[in-house]
Amino acid sequence: MVSGRKALKYEGTSSSGEVNHFWLDQKLGLLVKWDDRISAGELRNFTQGPQPAGLFEIPADYGKSQQMSGVIQSAKPK
C-alpha cells in the first residue's frame, strides 16, 4: 500500500549493479513511489477524478514562434 492505495512493488538492477525500486498504483497504472541511489519520492494526497476542461484549452495569448519551429525542424533525425 502507498498512500492508502494498492500498489505493486518492482525492483530493477542496472548493468552496473545498482538496485532501484518503484511502486505502481494497481488501478491507475501510475508511478506512486520510487527509490534509487540518487533519489526517492512518493505521491501523496492525490485523487482520481475528472479534470476541468480549462486545463486542456490553448491560452488566449498563445502564439507560434517561427524561430522555434526552425529549431525543432532541424532537430529531427534524418
N, C-alpha and C. Protein backbone atom coordinates (compact mmCIF):
# COMPACT_ATOMS: atom_id res chain seq x y z
N MET A 1 0.84 -1.18 0.00
CA MET A 1 0.00 0.00 0.00
C MET A 1 0.89 1.25 0.00
N VAL A 2 0.52 2.21 -0.84
CA VAL A 2 1.21 3.51 -0.87
C VAL A 2 0.11 4.57 -0.79
N SER A 3 0.18 5.40 0.20
CA SER A 3 -0.83 6.46 0.42
C SER A 3 -2.24 5.89 0.42
N GLY A 4 -2.41 4.72 1.01
CA GLY A 4 -3.72 4.10 1.13
C GLY A 4 -4.23 3.43 -0.14
N ARG A 5 -3.38 3.30 -1.15
CA ARG A 5 -3.79 2.69 -2.42
C ARG A 5 -2.97 1.43 -2.67
N LYS A 6 -3.60 0.42 -3.27
CA LYS A 6 -2.89 -0.81 -3.59
C LYS A 6 -1.86 -0.54 -4.67
N ALA A 7 -0.64 -0.99 -4.43
CA ALA A 7 0.44 -0.76 -5.39
C ALA A 7 1.29 -2.01 -5.49
N LEU A 8 1.82 -2.25 -6.68
CA LEU A 8 2.77 -3.33 -6.90
C LEU A 8 4.17 -2.77 -6.84
N LYS A 9 5.04 -3.45 -6.10
CA LYS A 9 6.43 -3.02 -5.97
C LYS A 9 7.27 -3.79 -6.97
N TYR A 10 8.12 -3.07 -7.69
CA TYR A 10 9.04 -3.67 -8.65
C TYR A 10 10.46 -3.34 -8.24
N GLU A 11 11.37 -4.21 -8.59
CA GLU A 11 12.79 -3.98 -8.33
C GLU A 11 13.55 -4.16 -9.64
N GLY A 12 14.46 -3.26 -9.87
CA GLY A 12 15.29 -3.34 -11.08
C GLY A 12 16.75 -3.21 -10.71
N THR A 13 17.58 -3.83 -11.50
CA THR A 13 19.02 -3.75 -11.28
C THR A 13 19.67 -3.30 -12.58
N SER A 14 20.46 -2.24 -12.49
CA SER A 14 21.14 -1.72 -13.68
C SER A 14 22.31 -2.61 -14.04
N SER A 15 22.90 -2.36 -15.19
CA SER A 15 24.06 -3.15 -15.64
C SER A 15 25.25 -2.97 -14.71
N SER A 16 25.27 -1.86 -13.95
CA SER A 16 26.36 -1.63 -13.00
C SER A 16 26.07 -2.21 -11.62
N GLY A 17 24.90 -2.85 -11.47
CA GLY A 17 24.56 -3.49 -10.22
C GLY A 17 23.76 -2.65 -9.26
N GLU A 18 23.41 -1.42 -9.64
CA GLU A 18 22.61 -0.56 -8.77
C GLU A 18 21.16 -1.03 -8.75
N VAL A 19 20.61 -1.14 -7.55
CA VAL A 19 19.24 -1.61 -7.39
C VAL A 19 18.32 -0.42 -7.16
N ASN A 20 17.16 -0.44 -7.81
CA ASN A 20 16.16 0.59 -7.57
C ASN A 20 14.80 -0.07 -7.44
N HIS A 21 13.88 0.65 -6.82
CA HIS A 21 12.53 0.14 -6.61
C HIS A 21 11.52 1.17 -7.10
N PHE A 22 10.39 0.67 -7.56
CA PHE A 22 9.29 1.58 -7.88
C PHE A 22 7.97 0.86 -7.66
N TRP A 23 6.97 1.65 -7.30
CA TRP A 23 5.65 1.14 -6.98
C TRP A 23 4.65 1.73 -7.97
N LEU A 24 3.81 0.87 -8.55
CA LEU A 24 2.77 1.31 -9.48
C LEU A 24 1.41 1.10 -8.84
N ASP A 25 0.58 2.14 -8.87
CA ASP A 25 -0.80 2.03 -8.41
C ASP A 25 -1.50 1.00 -9.28
N GLN A 26 -2.10 -0.01 -8.68
CA GLN A 26 -2.70 -1.10 -9.45
C GLN A 26 -3.90 -0.65 -10.27
N LYS A 27 -4.67 0.27 -9.78
CA LYS A 27 -5.87 0.70 -10.51
C LYS A 27 -5.53 1.68 -11.64
N LEU A 28 -4.65 2.63 -11.35
CA LEU A 28 -4.35 3.68 -12.32
C LEU A 28 -3.16 3.36 -13.22
N GLY A 29 -2.31 2.42 -12.81
CA GLY A 29 -1.09 2.15 -13.57
C GLY A 29 -0.13 3.33 -13.48
N LEU A 30 -0.20 4.07 -12.38
CA LEU A 30 0.56 5.30 -12.19
C LEU A 30 1.71 5.07 -11.22
N LEU A 31 2.88 5.59 -11.54
CA LEU A 31 4.02 5.52 -10.64
C LEU A 31 3.71 6.37 -9.41
N VAL A 32 3.68 5.74 -8.20
CA VAL A 32 3.32 6.48 -7.00
C VAL A 32 4.46 6.56 -5.98
N LYS A 33 5.52 5.77 -6.18
CA LYS A 33 6.66 5.81 -5.27
C LYS A 33 7.87 5.25 -6.00
N TRP A 34 9.06 5.77 -5.66
CA TRP A 34 10.29 5.29 -6.26
C TRP A 34 11.45 5.54 -5.32
N ASP A 35 12.47 4.73 -5.44
CA ASP A 35 13.72 4.99 -4.72
C ASP A 35 14.87 4.35 -5.46
N ASP A 36 15.97 5.05 -5.46
CA ASP A 36 17.21 4.54 -6.04
C ASP A 36 18.37 5.19 -5.31
N ARG A 37 19.56 4.99 -5.79
CA ARG A 37 20.75 5.51 -5.14
C ARG A 37 20.76 7.04 -5.07
N ILE A 38 20.16 7.69 -6.05
CA ILE A 38 20.22 9.15 -6.15
C ILE A 38 19.00 9.84 -5.57
N SER A 39 17.83 9.28 -5.73
CA SER A 39 16.62 9.99 -5.31
C SER A 39 15.54 9.03 -4.84
N ALA A 40 14.54 9.61 -4.22
CA ALA A 40 13.36 8.86 -3.79
C ALA A 40 12.19 9.83 -3.75
N GLY A 41 11.00 9.31 -3.91
CA GLY A 41 9.83 10.16 -3.86
C GLY A 41 8.56 9.35 -3.74
N GLU A 42 7.51 10.03 -3.37
CA GLU A 42 6.21 9.39 -3.22
C GLU A 42 5.11 10.41 -3.47
N LEU A 43 4.11 10.03 -4.26
CA LEU A 43 2.95 10.90 -4.45
C LEU A 43 2.03 10.73 -3.26
N ARG A 44 1.50 11.84 -2.76
CA ARG A 44 0.59 11.81 -1.61
C ARG A 44 -0.59 12.73 -1.88
N ASN A 45 -1.68 12.44 -1.20
CA ASN A 45 -2.87 13.28 -1.24
C ASN A 45 -3.36 13.56 -2.66
N PHE A 46 -3.40 12.55 -3.49
CA PHE A 46 -3.95 12.73 -4.83
C PHE A 46 -5.25 11.95 -4.94
N THR A 47 -6.12 12.39 -5.83
CA THR A 47 -7.39 11.72 -6.04
C THR A 47 -7.62 11.55 -7.53
N GLN A 48 -8.39 10.54 -7.85
CA GLN A 48 -8.76 10.28 -9.23
C GLN A 48 -10.10 10.96 -9.48
N GLY A 49 -10.21 11.66 -10.60
CA GLY A 49 -11.46 12.33 -10.91
C GLY A 49 -11.36 13.13 -12.18
N PRO A 50 -12.45 13.69 -12.63
CA PRO A 50 -12.45 14.49 -13.85
C PRO A 50 -11.64 15.77 -13.65
N GLN A 51 -11.06 16.23 -14.72
CA GLN A 51 -10.25 17.46 -14.69
C GLN A 51 -11.04 18.59 -15.35
N PRO A 52 -10.86 19.81 -14.89
CA PRO A 52 -11.54 20.94 -15.52
C PRO A 52 -11.13 21.07 -16.99
N ALA A 53 -12.09 21.31 -17.86
CA ALA A 53 -11.82 21.43 -19.30
C ALA A 53 -10.80 22.53 -19.59
N GLY A 54 -10.75 23.56 -18.75
CA GLY A 54 -9.83 24.68 -18.95
C GLY A 54 -8.37 24.26 -18.95
N LEU A 55 -8.06 23.14 -18.31
CA LEU A 55 -6.68 22.65 -18.30
C LEU A 55 -6.19 22.27 -19.69
N PHE A 56 -7.12 21.97 -20.58
CA PHE A 56 -6.77 21.49 -21.91
C PHE A 56 -7.00 22.52 -23.01
N GLU A 57 -7.32 23.75 -22.62
CA GLU A 57 -7.53 24.81 -23.60
C GLU A 57 -6.22 25.53 -23.90
N ILE A 58 -6.04 25.93 -25.14
CA ILE A 58 -4.87 26.70 -25.53
C ILE A 58 -5.03 28.11 -24.99
N PRO A 59 -4.03 28.64 -24.29
CA PRO A 59 -4.15 30.00 -23.73
C PRO A 59 -4.44 31.04 -24.81
N ALA A 60 -5.22 32.05 -24.46
CA ALA A 60 -5.62 33.09 -25.42
C ALA A 60 -4.42 33.84 -25.98
N ASP A 61 -3.34 33.97 -25.21
CA ASP A 61 -2.17 34.71 -25.69
C ASP A 61 -1.12 33.82 -26.35
N TYR A 62 -1.50 32.59 -26.67
CA TYR A 62 -0.57 31.65 -27.31
C TYR A 62 -0.27 32.11 -28.73
N GLY A 63 0.99 32.00 -29.12
CA GLY A 63 1.38 32.31 -30.49
C GLY A 63 2.51 31.40 -30.92
N LYS A 64 2.53 31.05 -32.17
CA LYS A 64 3.56 30.17 -32.70
C LYS A 64 4.79 30.99 -33.05
N SER A 65 5.94 30.53 -32.63
CA SER A 65 7.19 31.22 -32.93
C SER A 65 7.85 30.56 -34.13
N GLN A 66 8.09 31.33 -35.18
CA GLN A 66 8.76 30.81 -36.37
C GLN A 66 10.19 30.41 -36.04
N GLN A 67 10.81 31.15 -35.14
CA GLN A 67 12.19 30.86 -34.76
C GLN A 67 12.29 29.47 -34.12
N MET A 68 11.40 29.13 -33.22
CA MET A 68 11.43 27.83 -32.56
C MET A 68 11.06 26.72 -33.55
N SER A 69 10.17 27.00 -34.48
CA SER A 69 9.81 25.99 -35.48
C SER A 69 11.03 25.53 -36.24
N GLY A 70 11.91 26.46 -36.58
CA GLY A 70 13.13 26.11 -37.30
C GLY A 70 14.06 25.25 -36.46
N VAL A 71 14.14 25.52 -35.19
CA VAL A 71 14.98 24.73 -34.29
C VAL A 71 14.44 23.31 -34.20
N ILE A 72 13.13 23.18 -34.05
CA ILE A 72 12.53 21.86 -33.94
C ILE A 72 12.71 21.09 -35.23
N GLN A 73 12.54 21.74 -36.38
CA GLN A 73 12.70 21.06 -37.66
C GLN A 73 14.14 20.57 -37.82
N SER A 74 15.11 21.36 -37.39
CA SER A 74 16.49 20.95 -37.57
C SER A 74 16.91 19.86 -36.60
N ALA A 75 16.12 19.65 -35.53
CA ALA A 75 16.44 18.62 -34.54
C ALA A 75 15.91 17.25 -34.91
N LYS A 76 15.07 17.16 -35.93
CA LYS A 76 14.51 15.87 -36.31
C LYS A 76 15.58 14.97 -36.92
N PRO A 77 15.54 13.67 -36.61
CA PRO A 77 16.52 12.74 -37.20
C PRO A 77 16.33 12.65 -38.71
N LYS A 78 17.42 12.45 -39.38
CA LYS A 78 17.36 12.37 -40.85
C LYS A 78 17.55 10.96 -41.33
